[in-house]
Amino acid sequence: MRTESAAHIREANASAEASMPLDYLLTEIDALWKTDKRKEAKQLFGKIDKERISPGWERSQWAYMRGLLFTEKWSGSELGLAGGNVSALLTDNDDVWIGTWTGGITRLSDPLQTYTPWDAGLPTLAIRTVNRIRKHKASIWVVRYGVLERYDIESGIWELIKDLPVNERLQDLCILDNKVYLGTLGEGLWVKEGYEWSIIPNPGKFITRLELGDDEELIVTTMNMGLFLYRPRENIWIRPPSASLKEANITSVSKFGDRIVGGTFGDGAFIWNTKTSEVLWFGLEELGDLWVLSVAELNGLLFFGTFGSGLNCWNLNNGTWDRLSIDEGLPSVDVTSLSVDTRGNIWAGTLGGGLVKISGDIYDTR
């Protein structure tokens, strides 16, 4: 009887809270936040019915509290970097590796809230942009515009890779079946087997992204020839059915089950279902911008970082869209890179605004 009574009390309290005037709820949430009761503030925020929110003060205050409760931000200087233009991210357990357009790179320990800068990225006439940070086994690989570096996690030693086939316009790296694939923006796709590099002519010269697929597949995206799905063992190249996807300038891509999700320069974002051959496109109506710089996935949510319209999220289960932007406290509307950690947080690198950590809990509040 006591358990049933307690349950009824909790249900009655929840119903009463949900029926409270919205301005009162927002004021209560703000008070909880200011007294360091973040968990209670989140719980109360989750009771707000978004459909009740009116334009104006209520909407702006709701967005503000949403950002306050569910995001954390670091500027470039707070990470030991000379600039806040993030170009590459990698989440590795509790660590977040951050690379910048000026070449700076640092490692943030999330639980400890400490960082270790490896390169501040001080101003220079040389192009040193970090285009990709990737982990393979016990190594962290850093692909800069003209340099490839490897960090041994166990020994803590950095190594400069010297036997590259080209020395500029390095774009991405992927290791598959003990072979190193190196994508360049103008010098094509290269593969290293043993000690020898050789060029792979099929995807053209302008490689923008390399990603691992399933069953020893390699996803190759380009600036002018769209997307390729490559199976090296059989030397099979698969092209998408959509003509527009064969010509798009693709900036980012990832594979989730049967879906290949990507962003483009100027054509929005797409989902290619490799099982059904269906291609779904998203444009201005869904994304608010046609320049999509980064993509990610978390538990049925697809994320698209845009050049001018913040971070957009599409729920695969119910088809709804959600956007995080300046109203929610994002330091920049240009989201250049995305990464998801094992605890369900979304990490976003921005142009000019540094790094943002977004709690996955935020998408339970819509």
Protein backbone atom coordinates (compact mmCIF):
# COMPACT_ATOMS: atom_id res chain seq x y z
CA MET A 1 0.00 0.00 0.00
CA ARG A 2 2.85 2.35 0.86
CA THR A 3 4.51 1.67 -2.54
CA GLU A 4 1.24 2.29 -4.37
CA SER A 5 0.64 5.44 -2.38
CA ALA A 6 4.13 6.75 -3.14
CA ALA A 7 3.63 6.01 -6.83
CA HIS A 8 0.33 7.90 -6.82
CA ILE A 9 1.98 10.83 -5.10
CA ARG A 10 4.79 10.93 -7.68
CA GLU A 11 2.26 10.75 -10.51
CA ALA A 12 0.20 13.54 -8.99
CA ASN A 13 3.28 15.70 -8.50
CA ALA A 14 4.38 15.15 -12.09
CA SER A 15 0.91 16.03 -13.37
CA ALA A 16 0.84 19.15 -11.24
CA GLU A 17 4.28 20.25 -12.48
CA ALA A 18 3.30 19.69 -16.10
CA SER A 19 0.23 21.88 -15.65
CA MET A 20 2.15 24.76 -14.06
CA PRO A 21 2.42 27.98 -16.08
CA LEU A 22 5.43 27.81 -18.36
CA ASP A 23 6.98 31.01 -17.05
CA TYR A 24 6.82 29.59 -13.52
CA LEU A 25 8.51 26.34 -14.63
CA LEU A 26 11.29 28.23 -16.39
CA THR A 27 11.84 30.42 -13.34
CA GLU A 28 12.03 27.34 -11.10
CA ILE A 29 14.51 25.67 -13.48
CA ASP A 30 16.68 28.77 -13.45
CA ALA A 31 16.64 28.81 -9.64
CA LEU A 32 17.65 25.14 -9.46
CA TRP A 33 20.48 25.77 -11.91
CA LYS A 34 21.81 28.69 -9.89
CA THR A 35 21.91 26.54 -6.75
CA ASP A 36 23.90 23.79 -8.53
CA LYS A 37 20.93 21.41 -8.64
CA ARG A 38 21.56 20.50 -12.26
CA LYS A 39 19.97 17.04 -12.12
CA GLU A 40 16.73 18.40 -10.66
CA ALA A 41 16.73 21.25 -13.18
CA LYS A 42 17.04 18.78 -16.07
CA GLN A 43 14.21 16.65 -14.71
CA LEU A 44 11.91 19.63 -14.41
CA PHE A 45 12.92 20.89 -17.85
CA GLY A 46 11.97 17.51 -19.31
CA LYS A 47 8.40 17.99 -18.12
CA ILE A 48 7.87 21.02 -20.37
CA ASP A 49 5.61 20.38 -23.32
CA LYS A 50 7.36 22.05 -26.25
CA GLU A 51 4.00 22.55 -27.98
CA ARG A 52 2.96 24.94 -25.16
CA ILE A 53 5.85 27.31 -25.78
CA SER A 54 4.82 30.65 -27.23
CA PRO A 55 7.04 32.80 -29.47
CA GLY A 56 8.94 35.55 -27.73
CA TRP A 57 10.21 35.43 -24.16
CA GLU A 58 9.06 31.85 -23.47
CA ARG A 59 10.72 30.46 -26.59
CA SER A 60 13.97 32.35 -26.08
CA GLN A 61 14.14 31.47 -22.37
CA TRP A 62 13.39 27.80 -23.09
CA ALA A 63 16.17 27.70 -25.70
CA TYR A 64 18.56 29.49 -23.36
CA MET A 65 17.89 27.09 -20.48
CA ARG A 66 18.17 24.14 -22.82
CA GLY A 67 21.66 25.17 -23.84
CA LEU A 68 22.65 26.00 -20.28
CA LEU A 69 21.57 22.61 -18.95
CA PHE A 70 22.81 20.34 -21.70
CA THR A 71 25.94 21.89 -23.22
CA GLU A 72 29.49 22.72 -22.16
CA LYS A 73 31.86 24.92 -24.15
CA TRP A 74 35.62 25.47 -24.44
CA SER A 75 37.22 28.28 -26.39
CA GLY A 76 40.50 27.79 -28.21
CA SER A 77 42.47 29.52 -25.45
CA GLU A 78 40.80 27.33 -22.80
CA LEU A 79 42.23 24.31 -24.64
CA GLY A 80 45.72 25.75 -24.98
CA LEU A 81 45.20 26.55 -28.68
CA ALA A 82 46.02 29.76 -30.54
CA GLY A 83 42.69 29.66 -32.38
CA GLY A 84 39.14 28.39 -31.97
CA ASN A 85 38.62 27.11 -35.53
CA VAL A 86 38.22 23.36 -35.00
CA SER A 87 38.74 21.23 -38.11
CA ALA A 88 38.94 17.64 -36.76
CA LEU A 89 37.71 15.67 -33.74
CA LEU A 90 38.29 12.20 -32.33
CA THR A 91 36.70 10.80 -29.16
CA ASP A 92 38.73 8.01 -27.55
CA ASN A 93 37.13 6.73 -24.35
CA ASP A 94 37.49 9.67 -21.91
CA ASP A 95 39.77 11.68 -24.20
CA VAL A 96 38.84 14.09 -26.96
CA TRP A 97 41.46 14.96 -29.57
CA ILE A 98 40.97 18.38 -31.17
CA GLY A 99 42.68 19.64 -34.34
CA THR A 100 42.44 23.14 -35.82
CA TRP A 101 42.71 24.98 -39.13
CA THR A 102 46.00 26.55 -38.02
CA GLY A 103 47.54 23.19 -37.18
CA GLY A 104 47.08 23.25 -33.42
CA ILE A 105 46.20 20.00 -31.69
CA THR A 106 45.32 19.22 -28.08
CA ARG A 107 43.93 16.32 -26.05
CA LEU A 108 41.15 17.03 -23.56
CA SER A 109 40.47 14.65 -20.68
CA ASP A 110 36.73 15.07 -20.14
CA PRO A 111 36.33 13.65 -16.60
CA LEU A 112 39.41 15.47 -15.29
CA GLN A 113 38.70 18.66 -17.23
CA THR A 114 42.38 18.92 -18.12
CA TYR A 115 44.05 19.30 -21.47
CA THR A 116 47.44 18.51 -23.01
CA PRO A 117 48.40 20.72 -25.96
CA TRP A 118 50.77 19.11 -28.46
CA ASP A 119 50.86 22.11 -30.78
CA ALA A 120 49.32 25.51 -30.07
CA GLY A 121 48.85 26.28 -33.76
CA LEU A 122 50.59 29.65 -33.69
CA PRO A 123 50.24 31.91 -36.76
CA THR A 124 52.42 30.91 -39.70
CA LEU A 125 52.47 31.38 -43.45
CA ALA A 126 52.56 27.61 -43.94
CA ILE A 127 49.29 25.69 -44.34
CA ARG A 128 49.15 23.28 -41.41
CA THR A 129 45.44 22.46 -41.21
CA VAL A 130 44.58 19.27 -39.33
CA ASN A 131 42.25 17.47 -41.73
CA ARG A 132 41.74 14.23 -39.82
CA ILE A 133 42.54 12.57 -36.50
CA ARG A 134 42.07 8.82 -36.47
CA LYS A 135 42.80 5.99 -34.05
CA HIS A 136 44.04 2.56 -35.14
CA LYS A 137 44.95 0.04 -32.47
CA ALA A 138 47.41 1.81 -30.10
CA SER A 139 48.14 4.71 -32.43
CA ILE A 140 46.65 8.15 -33.02
CA TRP A 141 47.18 9.33 -36.61
CA VAL A 142 47.11 13.06 -37.40
CA VAL A 143 46.69 14.08 -41.04
CA ARG A 144 47.78 17.66 -41.66
CA TYR A 145 47.83 19.46 -44.99
CA GLY A 146 51.46 18.48 -45.70
CA VAL A 147 52.47 16.18 -42.84
CA LEU A 148 51.40 12.81 -41.46
CA GLU A 149 52.14 12.11 -37.78
CA ARG A 150 51.62 9.11 -35.52
CA TYR A 151 51.37 9.12 -31.75
CA ASP A 152 52.05 5.88 -29.86
CA ILE A 153 49.60 5.80 -26.95
CA GLU A 154 51.63 3.29 -24.95
CA SER A 155 55.03 4.99 -25.20
CA GLY A 156 53.83 8.59 -25.56
CA ILE A 157 56.19 9.12 -28.52
CA TRP A 158 55.34 11.15 -31.64
CA GLU A 159 56.65 10.00 -35.02
CA LEU A 160 56.79 11.93 -38.29
CA ILE A 161 55.98 9.65 -41.25
CA LYS A 162 58.56 10.44 -43.92
CA ASP A 163 57.99 8.00 -46.79
CA LEU A 164 54.82 9.60 -48.18
CA PRO A 165 54.05 9.52 -51.93
CA VAL A 166 53.13 13.24 -51.88
CA ASN A 167 53.99 16.05 -49.48
CA GLU A 168 50.98 18.38 -49.73
CA ARG A 169 47.17 18.38 -49.85
CA LEU A 170 46.92 15.37 -47.54
CA GLN A 171 43.24 14.97 -46.69
CA ASP A 172 42.45 11.69 -44.95
CA LEU A 173 43.84 8.32 -43.91
CA CYS A 174 42.27 4.92 -43.31
CA ILE A 175 43.82 1.57 -42.36
CA LEU A 176 42.09 -1.52 -43.67
CA ASP A 177 43.34 -5.11 -43.82
CA ASN A 178 46.88 -3.98 -42.85
CA LYS A 179 46.97 -1.53 -45.74
CA VAL A 180 47.26 2.23 -45.34
CA TYR A 181 45.00 4.29 -47.62
CA LEU A 182 45.89 7.95 -48.05
CA GLY A 183 43.46 10.39 -49.67
CA THR A 184 44.68 13.67 -51.12
CA LEU A 185 42.93 16.72 -52.51
CA GLY A 186 44.46 16.82 -55.99
CA GLU A 187 46.89 13.89 -56.02
CA GLY A 188 44.39 11.05 -55.80
CA LEU A 189 44.04 7.97 -53.59
CA TRP A 190 47.14 6.02 -52.56
CA VAL A 191 47.60 2.66 -50.84
CA LYS A 192 50.62 1.33 -49.01
CA GLU A 193 51.20 -2.43 -48.96
CA GLY A 194 54.33 -3.42 -47.09
CA TYR A 195 56.83 -0.66 -47.89
CA GLU A 196 55.50 0.41 -51.28
CA TRP A 197 52.99 3.11 -52.18
CA SER A 198 50.86 2.85 -55.32
CA ILE A 199 48.09 5.04 -56.68
CA ILE A 200 44.49 3.85 -57.16
CA PRO A 201 43.14 5.71 -60.20
CA ASN A 202 39.44 4.85 -60.06
CA PRO A 203 38.01 7.57 -57.74
CA GLY A 204 39.86 10.44 -59.42
CA LYS A 205 42.28 12.96 -57.94
CA PHE A 206 40.20 14.93 -55.45
CA ILE A 207 39.53 12.76 -52.38
CA THR A 208 37.66 14.44 -49.54
CA ARG A 209 36.94 11.60 -47.10
CA LEU A 210 37.74 7.97 -46.31
CA GLU A 211 35.60 5.84 -43.98
CA LEU A 212 35.37 2.18 -43.10
CA GLY A 213 32.22 0.37 -44.18
CA ASP A 214 31.17 -3.22 -43.49
CA ASP A 215 32.85 -6.47 -44.55
CA GLU A 216 36.21 -4.91 -45.45
CA GLU A 217 34.65 -2.03 -47.39
CA LEU A 218 36.10 1.41 -47.85
CA ILE A 219 33.90 4.44 -48.48
CA VAL A 220 35.64 7.01 -50.68
CA THR A 221 34.16 10.46 -51.26
CA THR A 222 35.37 13.09 -53.70
CA MET A 223 35.07 16.74 -54.60
CA ASN A 224 33.80 16.17 -58.15
CA MET A 225 32.83 12.51 -58.60
CA GLY A 226 30.58 11.88 -55.64
CA LEU A 227 30.83 8.67 -53.69
CA PHE A 228 32.40 5.24 -54.17
CA LEU A 229 32.03 2.04 -52.16
CA TYR A 230 35.25 0.02 -52.61
CA ARG A 231 35.85 -3.65 -51.79
CA PRO A 232 39.65 -4.03 -52.09
CA ARG A 233 39.80 -7.81 -51.81
CA GLU A 234 37.59 -8.27 -54.87
CA ASN A 235 38.66 -4.96 -56.46
CA ILE A 236 34.97 -4.06 -56.81
CA TRP A 237 33.79 -0.46 -57.05
CA ILE A 238 30.12 0.24 -56.33
CA ARG A 239 28.45 3.51 -57.29
CA PRO A 240 25.20 4.93 -55.88
CA PRO A 241 22.08 4.84 -58.08
CA SER A 242 21.49 8.60 -57.88
CA ALA A 243 23.10 10.60 -60.69
CA SER A 244 23.38 13.66 -58.44
CA LEU A 245 25.25 11.61 -55.84
CA LYS A 246 27.79 10.66 -58.52
CA GLU A 247 28.65 14.32 -59.08
CA ALA A 248 28.30 15.93 -55.64
CA ASN A 249 31.13 17.55 -53.70
CA ILE A 250 30.94 15.43 -50.55
CA THR A 251 32.40 16.83 -47.34
CA SER A 252 31.60 14.14 -44.78
CA VAL A 253 30.27 10.60 -44.67
CA SER A 254 29.61 7.70 -42.32
CA LYS A 255 27.93 4.31 -42.47
CA PHE A 256 25.27 3.11 -40.03
CA GLY A 257 23.99 -0.36 -40.84
CA ASP A 258 22.59 -0.31 -44.37
CA ARG A 259 22.70 3.50 -44.54
CA ILE A 260 25.48 5.71 -45.80
CA VAL A 261 24.90 9.24 -44.51
CA GLY A 262 26.76 12.22 -45.89
CA GLY A 263 26.95 15.97 -46.30
CA THR A 264 27.86 18.05 -49.33
CA PHE A 265 29.06 21.50 -50.33
CA GLY A 266 25.98 23.17 -51.73
CA ASP A 267 23.59 20.23 -52.15
CA GLY A 268 22.54 19.52 -48.57
CA ALA A 269 22.74 16.05 -47.04
CA PHE A 270 21.79 12.56 -48.15
CA ILE A 271 21.09 9.03 -46.95
CA TRP A 272 21.87 6.17 -49.32
CA ASN A 273 20.24 2.89 -48.31
CA THR A 274 22.61 0.35 -49.85
CA LYS A 275 20.11 -2.47 -49.33
CA THR A 276 17.12 -0.88 -51.08
CA SER A 277 19.14 1.51 -53.34
CA GLU A 278 16.94 4.40 -52.14
CA VAL A 279 18.59 7.83 -51.87
CA LEU A 280 16.98 10.45 -49.62
CA TRP A 281 18.05 14.10 -49.83
CA PHE A 282 17.69 16.88 -47.24
CA GLY A 283 17.83 20.56 -48.22
CA LEU A 284 17.08 24.04 -46.95
CA GLU A 285 13.70 23.16 -45.46
CA GLU A 286 15.17 20.52 -43.15
CA LEU A 287 18.69 21.84 -42.57
CA GLY A 288 18.42 25.59 -43.01
CA ASP A 289 21.58 25.47 -45.13
CA LEU A 290 22.92 23.49 -48.11
CA TRP A 291 26.51 23.40 -46.88
CA VAL A 292 26.86 20.38 -44.58
CA LEU A 293 30.32 19.99 -43.07
CA SER A 294 29.94 17.02 -40.71
CA VAL A 295 27.69 14.05 -39.90
CA ALA A 296 27.29 11.65 -36.96
CA GLU A 297 24.82 9.12 -35.51
CA LEU A 298 23.64 8.26 -32.01
CA ASN A 299 20.91 5.74 -31.18
CA GLY A 300 18.74 6.40 -34.21
CA LEU A 301 19.49 10.13 -34.31
CA LEU A 302 21.36 11.54 -37.31
CA PHE A 303 23.34 14.76 -36.84
CA PHE A 304 24.28 17.25 -39.53
CA GLY A 305 26.71 20.08 -38.80
CA THR A 306 26.18 22.97 -41.19
CA PHE A 307 28.01 26.04 -42.41
CA GLY A 308 25.65 28.69 -41.08
CA SER A 309 22.70 26.85 -39.53
CA GLY A 310 24.11 25.13 -36.47
CA LEU A 311 23.59 21.47 -35.60
CA ASN A 312 20.54 19.69 -37.03
CA CYS A 313 19.23 16.39 -35.75
CA TRP A 314 16.84 14.01 -37.52
CA ASN A 315 15.07 11.28 -35.56
CA LEU A 316 14.91 8.17 -37.74
CA ASN A 317 12.12 6.70 -35.64
CA ASN A 318 9.56 9.51 -35.86
CA GLY A 319 10.92 11.72 -38.65
CA THR A 320 11.13 14.88 -36.51
CA TRP A 321 13.84 17.54 -36.80
CA ASP A 322 15.59 19.53 -34.11
CA ARG A 323 18.14 22.34 -34.33
CA LEU A 324 20.74 23.71 -31.92
CA SER A 325 22.03 27.16 -32.75
CA ILE A 326 22.95 30.50 -31.19
CA ASP A 327 19.67 30.59 -29.22
CA GLU A 328 20.77 27.48 -27.34
CA GLY A 329 24.16 28.99 -26.63
CA LEU A 330 26.24 27.52 -29.44
CA PRO A 331 29.29 29.77 -29.80
CA SER A 332 29.13 29.49 -33.60
CA VAL A 333 26.58 28.41 -36.22
CA ASP A 334 29.37 26.78 -38.27
CA VAL A 335 29.75 23.17 -37.09
CA THR A 336 32.77 21.74 -38.87
CA SER A 337 33.27 18.40 -37.12
CA LEU A 338 31.29 15.92 -35.03
CA SER A 339 32.14 12.94 -32.86
CA VAL A 340 30.10 10.79 -30.46
CA ASP A 341 31.64 9.29 -27.33
CA THR A 342 30.80 6.04 -25.53
CA ARG A 343 28.70 7.88 -22.90
CA GLY A 344 26.27 9.26 -25.47
CA ASN A 345 27.64 12.80 -25.67
CA ILE A 346 27.92 14.63 -28.99
CA TRP A 347 31.07 16.68 -29.47
CA ALA A 348 30.97 19.52 -31.99
CA GLY A 349 33.89 21.50 -33.35
CA THR A 350 33.08 24.96 -34.66
CA LEU A 351 34.54 27.78 -36.69
CA GLY A 352 35.60 30.50 -34.29
CA GLY A 353 33.77 29.11 -31.27
CA GLY A 354 36.00 26.24 -30.22
CA LEU A 355 34.56 23.00 -28.84
CA VAL A 356 31.06 22.13 -27.59
CA LYS A 357 29.95 19.05 -25.65
CA ILE A 358 26.24 18.29 -26.01
CA SER A 359 24.66 15.79 -23.64
CA GLY A 360 22.59 13.17 -25.45
CA ASP A 361 19.92 13.78 -22.79
CA ILE A 362 19.00 16.96 -24.60
CA TYR A 363 17.14 14.97 -27.24
CA ASP A 364 14.86 13.44 -24.63
CA THR A 365 13.45 16.90 -23.98
CA ARG A 366 11.85 17.61 -27.33
